[in-house]
C-alpha atoms as a PDB file:
ATOM      1  CA  MET A   1     -56.145 -49.730   4.487  1.00  0.00           C
ATOM      2  CA  SER A   2     -56.974 -46.546   2.590  1.00  0.00           C
ATOM      3  CA  LEU A   3     -54.579 -45.296  -0.090  1.00  0.00           C
ATOM      4  CA  ASN A   4     -55.025 -42.268  -2.455  1.00  0.00           C
ATOM      5  CA  ARG A   5     -55.558 -43.150  -6.070  1.00  0.00           C
ATOM      6  CA  ASP A   6     -52.050 -42.047  -7.107  1.00  0.00           C
ATOM      7  CA  THR A   7     -50.369 -44.591  -4.808  1.00  0.00           C
ATOM      8  CA  ASN A   8     -52.789 -47.576  -5.028  1.00  0.00           C
ATOM      9  CA  LYS A   9     -50.294 -49.673  -6.997  1.00  0.00           C
ATOM     10  CA  PRO A  10     -46.568 -49.781  -7.359  1.00  0.00           C
ATOM     11  CA  LYS A  11     -44.967 -47.484  -9.881  1.00  0.00           C
ATOM     12  CA  SER A  12     -43.390 -49.248 -12.926  1.00  0.00           C
ATOM     13  CA  GLY A  13     -39.787 -50.171 -11.963  1.00  0.00           C
ATOM     14  CA  ALA A  14     -40.363 -49.761  -8.203  1.00  0.00           C
ATOM     15  CA  ARG A  15     -38.883 -53.166  -7.277  1.00  0.00           C
ATOM     16  CA  PHE A  16     -35.688 -53.378  -5.261  1.00  0.00           C
ATOM     17  CA  TYR A  17     -33.346 -56.054  -4.046  1.00  0.00           C
ATOM     18  CA  LEU A  18     -32.873 -55.939  -0.204  1.00  0.00           C
ATOM     19  CA  HIS A  19     -29.403 -57.206   0.797  1.00  0.00           C
ATOM     20  CA  ARG A  20     -30.811 -59.123   3.758  1.00  0.00           C
ATOM     21  CA  LYS A  21     -33.689 -61.363   4.738  1.00  0.00           C
ATOM     22  CA  ILE A  22     -36.761 -59.847   6.228  1.00  0.00           C
ATOM     23  CA  SER A  23     -37.472 -61.416   9.636  1.00  0.00           C
ATOM     24  CA  GLU A  24     -40.872 -62.989  10.248  1.00  0.00           C
ATOM     25  CA  GLY A  25     -43.082 -60.466  11.866  1.00  0.00           C
ATOM     26  CA  GLU A  26     -40.926 -57.532  10.793  1.00  0.00           C
ATOM     27  CA  THR A  27     -43.252 -54.729   9.693  1.00  0.00           C
ATOM     28  CA  LEU A  28     -40.945 -51.680   9.523  1.00  0.00           C
ATOM     29  CA  LEU A  29     -37.419 -51.351   8.290  1.00  0.00           C
ATOM     30  CA  GLU A  30     -35.056 -48.630   7.163  1.00  0.00           C
ATOM     31  CA  LEU A  31     -34.172 -48.665   3.512  1.00  0.00           C
ATOM     32  CA  PRO A  32     -30.441 -48.884   2.668  1.00  0.00           C
ATOM     33  CA  LYS A  33     -28.942 -45.751   1.111  1.00  0.00           C
ATOM     34  CA  ASP A  34     -28.733 -47.296  -2.445  1.00  0.00           C
ATOM     35  CA  ILE A  35     -32.431 -48.122  -2.445  1.00  0.00           C
ATOM     36  CA  ALA A  36     -33.427 -44.916  -0.814  1.00  0.00           C
ATOM     37  CA  ASN A  37     -31.554 -42.815  -3.357  1.00  0.00           C
ATOM     38  CA  HIS A  38     -33.037 -44.728  -6.297  1.00  0.00           C
ATOM     39  CA  ALA A  39     -36.514 -44.528  -4.816  1.00  0.00           C
ATOM     40  CA  LYS A  40     -36.407 -40.814  -4.211  1.00  0.00           C
ATOM     41  CA  SER A  41     -34.071 -39.451  -6.909  1.00  0.00           C
ATOM     42  CA  SER A  42     -34.755 -41.729  -9.856  1.00  0.00           C
ATOM     43  CA  LEU A  43     -38.248 -42.970  -9.367  1.00  0.00           C
ATOM     44  CA  ARG A  44     -39.416 -39.953  -7.367  1.00  0.00           C
ATOM     45  CA  LEU A  45     -41.442 -42.065  -4.981  1.00  0.00           C
ATOM     46  CA  LYS A  46     -43.382 -40.036  -2.406  1.00  0.00           C
ATOM     47  CA  GLU A  47     -44.859 -40.916   1.037  1.00  0.00           C
ATOM     48  CA  ASN A  48     -47.299 -43.821   0.846  1.00  0.00           C
ATOM     49  CA  SER A  49     -46.030 -44.873  -2.517  1.00  0.00           C
ATOM     50  CA  LEU A  50     -46.084 -48.649  -2.958  1.00  0.00           C
ATOM     51  CA  PHE A  51     -43.125 -50.725  -4.197  1.00  0.00           C
ATOM     52  CA  TYR A  52     -41.789 -54.294  -4.011  1.00  0.00           C
ATOM     53  CA  LEU A  53     -38.829 -55.678  -2.100  1.00  0.00           C
ATOM     54  CA  PHE A  54     -37.244 -59.095  -2.632  1.00  0.00           C
ATOM     55  CA  ASP A  55     -34.367 -60.687  -0.715  1.00  0.00           C
ATOM     56  CA  GLY A  56     -33.187 -63.278  -3.270  1.00  0.00           C
ATOM     57  CA  SER A  57     -34.602 -66.294  -1.477  1.00  0.00           C
ATOM     58  CA  GLY A  58     -37.717 -66.732  -3.511  1.00  0.00           C
ATOM     59  CA  GLY A  59     -40.372 -64.429  -2.347  1.00  0.00           C
ATOM     60  CA  GLU A  60     -41.204 -60.768  -2.542  1.00  0.00           C
ATOM     61  CA  TYR A  61     -42.838 -58.217  -0.291  1.00  0.00           C
ATOM     62  CA  LEU A  62     -45.248 -55.355  -0.992  1.00  0.00           C
ATOM     63  CA  ALA A  63     -44.204 -52.324   0.901  1.00  0.00           C
ATOM     64  CA  LYS A  64     -45.108 -48.730   1.513  1.00  0.00           C
ATOM     65  CA  LEU A  65     -42.781 -45.793   1.674  1.00  0.00           C
ATOM     66  CA  VAL A  66     -42.690 -43.992   4.986  1.00  0.00           C
ATOM     67  CA  ILE A  67     -40.827 -40.666   5.420  1.00  0.00           C
ATOM     68  CA  ALA A  68     -39.079 -40.683   8.720  1.00  0.00           C
ATOM     69  CA  SER A  69     -37.121 -38.081  10.730  1.00  0.00           C
ATOM     70  CA  ASN A  70     -33.463 -37.180   9.935  1.00  0.00           C
ATOM     71  CA  HIS A  71     -34.160 -37.834   6.134  1.00  0.00           C
ATOM     72  CA  ARG A  72     -34.389 -41.525   6.715  1.00  0.00           C
ATOM     73  CA  LEU A  73     -36.662 -43.562   4.417  1.00  0.00           C
ATOM     74  CA  MET A  74     -38.598 -46.379   6.024  1.00  0.00           C
ATOM     75  CA  ALA A  75     -40.500 -49.255   4.437  1.00  0.00           C
ATOM     76  CA  GLU A  76     -43.750 -50.562   5.950  1.00  0.00           C
ATOM     77  CA  ILE A  77     -44.089 -54.236   4.938  1.00  0.00           C
ATOM     78  CA  LEU A  78     -47.708 -54.755   3.882  1.00  0.00           C
ATOM     79  CA  SER A  79     -47.778 -58.325   2.602  1.00  0.00           C
ATOM     80  CA  PHE A  80     -45.577 -61.255   1.532  1.00  0.00           C
ATOM     81  CA  SER A  81     -46.061 -63.021  -1.812  1.00  0.00           C
ATOM     82  CA  ASP A  82     -44.591 -66.415  -2.599  1.00  0.00           C
ATOM     83  CA  VAL A  83     -44.408 -65.603  -6.265  1.00  0.00           C
ATOM     84  CA  ARG A  84     -43.545 -68.463  -8.754  1.00  0.00           C
ATOM     85  CA  LEU A  85     -41.480 -66.794 -11.515  1.00  0.00           C
ATOM     86  CA  GLU A  86     -38.489 -69.064 -11.248  1.00  0.00           C
ATOM     87  CA  SER A  87     -38.200 -71.746 -13.929  1.00  0.00           C
ATOM     88  CA  ASP A  88     -38.622 -75.370 -12.962  1.00  0.00           C
ATOM     89  CA  LEU A  89     -35.879 -76.084 -15.467  1.00  0.00           C
ATOM     90  CA  LYS A  90     -32.429 -75.629 -13.864  1.00  0.00           C
ATOM     91  CA  ILE A  91     -30.067 -74.100 -16.301  1.00  0.00           C
ATOM     92  CA  LEU A  92     -26.380 -73.717 -15.712  1.00  0.00           C
ATOM     93  CA  LEU A  93     -24.611 -71.587 -18.337  1.00  0.00           C
ATOM     94  CA  VAL A  94     -20.833 -72.125 -18.667  1.00  0.00           C
ATOM     95  CA  GLN A  95     -19.615 -69.255 -20.781  1.00  0.00           C
ATOM     96  CA  SER A  96     -16.106 -68.461 -22.055  1.00  0.00           C
ATOM     97  CA  PHE A  97     -14.902 -65.004 -21.024  1.00  0.00           C
ATOM     98  CA  MET A  98     -15.534 -62.276 -23.595  1.00  0.00           C
ATOM     99  CA  SER A  99     -15.096 -58.438 -23.766  1.00  0.00           C
ATOM    100  CA  ASN A 100     -16.680 -56.299 -21.040  1.00  0.00           C
ATOM    101  CA  ASP A 101     -19.657 -55.100 -23.113  1.00  0.00           C
ATOM    102  CA  LYS A 102     -20.510 -58.634 -24.323  1.00  0.00           C
ATOM    103  CA  MET A 103     -20.207 -60.124 -20.766  1.00  0.00           C
ATOM    104  CA  ASN A 104     -22.425 -57.397 -19.306  1.00  0.00           C
ATOM    105  CA  TRP A 105     -25.049 -58.048 -21.981  1.00  0.00           C
ATOM    106  CA  LEU A 106     -24.835 -61.837 -21.542  1.00  0.00           C
ATOM    107  CA  ILE A 107     -25.175 -61.655 -17.719  1.00  0.00           C
ATOM    108  CA  GLN A 108     -28.267 -59.406 -18.148  1.00  0.00           C
ATOM    109  CA  LYS A 109     -30.037 -61.535 -20.676  1.00  0.00           C
ATOM    110  CA  ALA A 110     -29.148 -64.898 -19.112  1.00  0.00           C
ATOM    111  CA  THR A 111     -30.667 -63.613 -15.809  1.00  0.00           C
ATOM    112  CA  GLU A 112     -33.791 -62.399 -17.644  1.00  0.00           C
ATOM    113  CA  LEU A 113     -34.192 -65.818 -19.311  1.00  0.00           C
ATOM    114  CA  GLY A 114     -34.150 -67.660 -15.930  1.00  0.00           C
ATOM    115  CA  VAL A 115     -30.615 -69.112 -15.815  1.00  0.00           C
ATOM    116  CA  SER A 116     -29.863 -70.323 -12.251  1.00  0.00           C
ATOM    117  CA  GLU A 117     -26.146 -70.350 -12.398  1.00  0.00           C
ATOM    118  CA  ILE A 118     -23.534 -68.554 -14.672  1.00  0.00           C
ATOM    119  CA  ASN A 119     -20.031 -69.993 -14.767  1.00  0.00           C
ATOM    120  CA  VAL A 120     -17.399 -67.888 -16.574  1.00  0.00           C
ATOM    121  CA  PHE A 121     -14.128 -69.487 -17.663  1.00  0.00           C
ATOM    122  CA  LYS A 122     -11.011 -68.487 -19.663  1.00  0.00           C
ATOM    123  CA  ALA A 123     -10.916 -70.628 -22.823  1.00  0.00           C
ATOM    124  CA  GLU A 124      -7.712 -71.753 -24.348  1.00  0.00           C
ATOM    125  CA  ARG A 125      -8.418 -69.671 -27.441  1.00  0.00           C
ATOM    126  CA  SER A 126      -9.747 -66.694 -25.609  1.00  0.00           C
ATOM    127  CA  SER A 127      -8.347 -63.499 -27.145  1.00  0.00           C
ATOM    128  CA  ILE A 128      -8.542 -61.626 -23.864  1.00  0.00           C
ATOM    129  CA  LYS A 129      -5.971 -62.262 -21.141  1.00  0.00           C
ATOM    130  CA  ILE A 130      -7.277 -62.227 -17.574  1.00  0.00           C
ATOM    131  CA  ASP A 131      -6.074 -63.621 -14.251  1.00  0.00           C
ATOM    132  CA  ALA A 132      -7.921 -64.869 -11.141  1.00  0.00           C
ATOM    133  CA  PRO A 133      -7.983 -61.574  -9.248  1.00  0.00           C
ATOM    134  CA  GLN A 134      -9.314 -59.755 -12.316  1.00  0.00           C
ATOM    135  CA  LEU A 135     -12.011 -62.381 -12.749  1.00  0.00           C
ATOM    136  CA  GLU A 136     -13.020 -62.034  -9.114  1.00  0.00           C
ATOM    137  CA  LYS A 137     -13.324 -58.278  -9.426  1.00  0.00           C
ATOM    138  CA  LYS A 138     -15.465 -58.653 -12.508  1.00  0.00           C
ATOM    139  CA  LYS A 139     -17.654 -61.175 -10.719  1.00  0.00           C
ATOM    140  CA  THR A 140     -18.644 -58.393  -8.243  1.00  0.00           C
ATOM    141  CA  HIS A 141     -19.714 -56.191 -11.192  1.00  0.00           C
ATOM    142  CA  TRP A 142     -21.600 -58.953 -12.884  1.00  0.00           C
ATOM    143  CA  HIS A 143     -23.513 -59.673  -9.663  1.00  0.00           C
ATOM    144  CA  LYS A 144     -24.762 -56.105  -9.674  1.00  0.00           C
ATOM    145  CA  ILE A 145     -25.926 -56.529 -13.232  1.00  0.00           C
ATOM    146  CA  ALA A 146     -27.736 -59.732 -12.347  1.00  0.00           C
ATOM    147  CA  ILE A 147     -29.435 -57.992  -9.451  1.00  0.00           C
ATOM    148  CA  ALA A 148     -30.630 -55.129 -11.743  1.00  0.00           C
ATOM    149  CA  ALA A 149     -31.907 -57.743 -14.209  1.00  0.00           C
ATOM    150  CA  CYS A 150     -33.813 -59.542 -11.470  1.00  0.00           C
ATOM    151  CA  GLU A 151     -35.397 -56.232 -10.296  1.00  0.00           C
ATOM    152  CA  GLN A 152     -36.511 -55.493 -13.903  1.00  0.00           C
ATOM    153  CA  SER A 153     -37.717 -59.024 -14.859  1.00  0.00           C
ATOM    154  CA  GLY A 154     -39.495 -59.965 -11.632  1.00  0.00           C
ATOM    155  CA  ARG A 155     -37.233 -62.802 -10.734  1.00  0.00           C
ATOM    156  CA  THR A 156     -36.834 -63.413  -6.930  1.00  0.00           C
ATOM    157  CA  LYS A 157     -33.618 -65.472  -7.011  1.00  0.00           C
ATOM    158  CA  ILE A 158     -30.309 -64.036  -8.088  1.00  0.00           C
ATOM    159  CA  PRO A 159     -28.257 -66.453 -10.269  1.00  0.00           C
ATOM    160  CA  VAL A 160     -25.071 -67.692  -8.749  1.00  0.00           C
ATOM    161  CA  ILE A 161     -21.937 -66.465 -10.611  1.00  0.00           C
ATOM    162  CA  ARG A 162     -18.684 -68.298 -10.459  1.00  0.00           C
ATOM    163  CA  THR A 163     -15.343 -67.890 -12.336  1.00  0.00           C
ATOM    164  CA  PHE A 164     -12.660 -70.276 -13.476  1.00  0.00           C
ATOM    165  CA  LEU A 165      -9.308 -70.001 -15.221  1.00  0.00           C
ATOM    166  CA  SER A 166     -10.024 -72.914 -17.536  1.00  0.00           C
ATOM    167  CA  LEU A 167     -12.778 -75.312 -18.623  1.00  0.00           C
ATOM    168  CA  ALA A 168     -10.955 -78.075 -16.863  1.00  0.00           C
ATOM    169  CA  ASP A 169     -11.039 -76.105 -13.643  1.00  0.00           C
ATOM    170  CA  TYR A 170     -14.871 -75.781 -13.979  1.00  0.00           C
ATOM    171  CA  LEU A 171     -15.305 -79.443 -14.737  1.00  0.00           C
ATOM    172  CA  GLU A 172     -13.455 -80.424 -11.619  1.00  0.00           C
ATOM    173  CA  THR A 173     -16.015 -78.657  -9.509  1.00  0.00           C
ATOM    174  CA  SER A 174     -19.146 -79.757 -11.402  1.00  0.00           C
ATOM    175  CA  GLU A 175     -21.174 -82.461  -9.681  1.00  0.00           C
ATOM    176  CA  SER A 176     -23.386 -85.135 -11.113  1.00  0.00           C
ATOM    177  CA  THR A 177     -26.971 -85.070  -9.838  1.00  0.00           C
ATOM    178  CA  ASP A 178     -29.712 -87.670  -9.668  1.00  0.00           C
ATOM    179  CA  THR A 179     -32.016 -85.461 -11.725  1.00  0.00           C
ATOM    180  CA  LYS A 180     -32.731 -85.856 -15.394  1.00  0.00           C
ATOM    181  CA  GLU A 181     -29.976 -83.685 -16.612  1.00  0.00           C
ATOM    182  CA  THR A 182     -28.406 -83.123 -20.043  1.00  0.00           C
ATOM    183  CA  LYS A 183     -25.005 -81.546 -20.424  1.00  0.00           C
ATOM    184  CA  ILE A 184     -24.207 -79.862 -23.750  1.00  0.00           C
ATOM    185  CA  ILE A 185     -21.137 -78.373 -25.241  1.00  0.00           C
ATOM    186  CA  LEU A 186     -21.868 -76.291 -28.406  1.00  0.00           C
ATOM    187  CA  SER A 187     -19.732 -77.004 -31.411  1.00  0.00           C
ATOM    188  CA  PRO A 188     -20.143 -76.418 -35.171  1.00  0.00           C
ATOM    189  CA  THR A 189     -18.944 -80.055 -35.681  1.00  0.00           C
ATOM    190  CA  GLY A 190     -21.352 -81.543 -33.243  1.00  0.00           C
ATOM    191  CA  SER A 191     -23.460 -84.508 -34.460  1.00  0.00           C
ATOM    192  CA  ASN A 192     -26.204 -84.245 -31.888  1.00  0.00           C
ATOM    193  CA  ASN A 193     -29.398 -82.139 -32.200  1.00  0.00           C
ATOM    194  CA  ILE A 194     -31.246 -80.642 -29.263  1.00  0.00           C
ATOM    195  CA  ASN A 195     -34.528 -81.725 -30.695  1.00  0.00           C
ATOM    196  CA  ASN A 196     -33.571 -85.431 -30.128  1.00  0.00           C
ATOM    197  CA  ILE A 197     -33.170 -84.905 -26.326  1.00  0.00           C
ATOM    198  CA  PRO A 198     -36.052 -86.373 -24.288  1.00  0.00           C
ATOM    199  CA  ARG A 199     -38.517 -83.758 -23.095  1.00  0.00           C
ATOM    200  CA  ASP A 200     -38.530 -84.809 -19.450  1.00  0.00           C
ATOM    201  CA  GLN A 201     -35.291 -82.999 -18.643  1.00  0.00           C
ATOM    202  CA  GLU A 202     -35.042 -81.271 -15.256  1.00  0.00           C
ATOM    203  CA  ALA A 203     -31.644 -79.613 -15.692  1.00  0.00           C
ATOM    204  CA  PHE A 204     -29.305 -78.418 -18.476  1.00  0.00           C
ATOM    205  CA  THR A 205     -25.712 -77.481 -18.313  1.00  0.00           C
ATOM    206  CA  ILE A 206     -24.635 -75.460 -21.429  1.00  0.00           C
ATOM    207  CA  VAL A 207     -20.938 -74.861 -22.326  1.00  0.00           C
ATOM    208  CA  ILE A 208     -20.154 -72.090 -24.825  1.00  0.00           C
ATOM    209  CA  GLY A 209     -16.747 -71.484 -26.222  1.00  0.00           C
ATOM    210  CA  PRO A 210     -14.910 -68.407 -27.594  1.00  0.00           C
ATOM    211  CA  GLU A 211     -15.074 -66.859 -31.083  1.00  0.00           C
ATOM    212  CA  GLY A 212     -12.157 -69.077 -32.194  1.00  0.00           C
ATOM    213  CA  GLY A 213     -13.911 -72.246 -30.924  1.00  0.00           C
ATOM    214  CA  PHE A 214     -12.857 -74.983 -28.538  1.00  0.00           C
ATOM    215  CA  THR A 215      -9.554 -76.744 -28.856  1.00  0.00           C
ATOM    216  CA  GLU A 216      -9.556 -80.527 -29.360  1.00  0.00           C
ATOM    217  CA  GLN A 217      -8.332 -80.943 -25.765  1.00  0.00           C
ATOM    218  CA  GLU A 218     -11.251 -78.826 -24.343  1.00  0.00           C
ATOM    219  CA  LEU A 219     -13.812 -80.904 -26.414  1.00  0.00           C
ATOM    220  CA  ALA A 220     -12.209 -84.169 -25.345  1.00  0.00           C
ATOM    221  CA  ILE A 221     -12.301 -83.364 -21.652  1.00  0.00           C
ATOM    222  CA  ALA A 222     -15.918 -82.148 -21.931  1.00  0.00           C
ATOM    223  CA  LYS A 223     -16.978 -85.395 -23.725  1.00  0.00           C
ATOM    224  CA  SER A 224     -15.156 -87.474 -21.111  1.00  0.00           C
ATOM    225  CA  ASN A 225     -17.418 -85.681 -18.534  1.00  0.00           C
ATOM    226  CA  HIS A 226     -20.515 -86.898 -20.485  1.00  0.00           C
ATOM    227  CA  PHE A 227     -21.206 -83.717 -22.367  1.00  0.00           C
ATOM    228  CA  LEU A 228     -23.046 -83.967 -25.728  1.00  0.00           C
ATOM    229  CA  GLU A 229     -21.448 -82.222 -28.634  1.00  0.00           C
ATOM    230  CA  VAL A 230     -24.287 -80.302 -30.098  1.00  0.00           C
ATOM    231  CA  ARG A 231     -24.586 -78.191 -33.288  1.00  0.00           C
ATOM    232  CA  LEU A 232     -27.069 -75.319 -33.246  1.00  0.00           C
ATOM    233  CA  GLY A 233     -28.270 -74.799 -36.808  1.00  0.00           C
ATOM    234  CA  PRO A 234     -26.339 -74.254 -40.047  1.00  0.00           C
ATOM    235  CA  ARG A 235     -24.965 -70.734 -39.268  1.00  0.00           C
ATOM    236  CA  THR A 236     -21.964 -69.818 -37.162  1.00  0.00           C
ATOM    237  CA  LEU A 237     -23.085 -67.782 -34.132  1.00  0.00           C
ATOM    238  CA  ARG A 238     -21.046 -65.321 -32.086  1.00  0.00           C
ATOM    239  CA  ALA A 239     -20.176 -66.461 -28.598  1.00  0.00           C
ATOM    240  CA  GLU A 240     -22.676 -64.131 -26.895  1.00  0.00           C
ATOM    241  CA  THR A 241     -25.466 -65.076 -29.329  1.00  0.00           C
ATOM    242  CA  ALA A 242     -24.932 -68.847 -29.092  1.00  0.00           C
ATOM    243  CA  GLY A 243     -25.276 -69.056 -25.276  1.00  0.00           C
ATOM    244  CA  ILE A 244     -28.417 -66.861 -25.111  1.00  0.00           C
ATOM    245  CA  SER A 245     -29.984 -68.616 -28.120  1.00  0.00           C
ATOM    246  CA  LEU A 246     -29.522 -72.098 -26.552  1.00  0.00           C
ATOM    247  CA  VAL A 247     -30.855 -70.934 -23.206  1.00  0.00           C
ATOM    248  CA  ALA A 248     -34.005 -69.593 -24.881  1.00  0.00           C
ATOM    249  CA  ILE A 249     -34.428 -72.819 -26.969  1.00  0.00           C
ATOM    250  CA  SER A 250     -34.053 -74.883 -23.788  1.00  0.00           C
ATOM    251  CA  GLN A 251     -36.683 -72.892 -21.977  1.00  0.00           C
ATOM    252  CA  ALA A 252     -39.000 -73.234 -25.014  1.00  0.00           C
ATOM    253  CA  LEU A 253     -38.572 -76.970 -25.365  1.00  0.00           C
ATOM    254  CA  PHE A 254     -38.066 -78.068 -21.760  1.00  0.00           C
ATOM    255  CA  GLY A 255     -38.862 -75.084 -19.505  1.00  0.00           C
ATOM    256  CA  ASP A 256     -41.496 -72.480 -18.878  1.00  0.00           C
ATOM    257  CA  PHE A 257     -41.626 -70.614 -22.207  1.00  0.00           C
END
């Protein structure tokens, strides 16, 4: 295959999430309008430009832009790469609901750090009122943020995002696994230290409360579900800082950092 020197490698940022799986043997496909618009208008890709596609199932594809008739943009699939950018450490972040800007930032950074699942719940001391339909609507928005973070960071799997009206609702759906898993609820009064956790962990579930902290009832129900009450350093962290900090520490101590 002969390519000119201006298109012999993908342009920075030329990586897109395809909302369907690519069939085995499929070599040519029409790009959806959202990808086509981004490729042409924002990135100014031209005919024969290279870019990546990923379908969220774990692999990615090297593709070439083909200009078709009727202003359609087509992608020629050149190769498949079973990239290994997903962390072997499974991290489930359980985050109390915060303001829109803080939630957007948290979803983006948690995705970049390799979190496999983000569960958002309304804490008892949450200062923001929200109901189930509103949470469901926000989940759609957060999913788009996670996709963009995957496109930027090189991840090939999009984190699952779920919403709950209380911590108790989340705990009713959580399942125990046979893996080496540690479940943590962050608390300024916690007596446990993350450095004391054995290094052979395969999964972490991390629960983060609101600015006002957990109620005694929330702490009690978490501990009854085998969560360790952990304190993270001597300083009081904001809700959005605490979750991201603990995810990064977990990756550094037990994951792929």
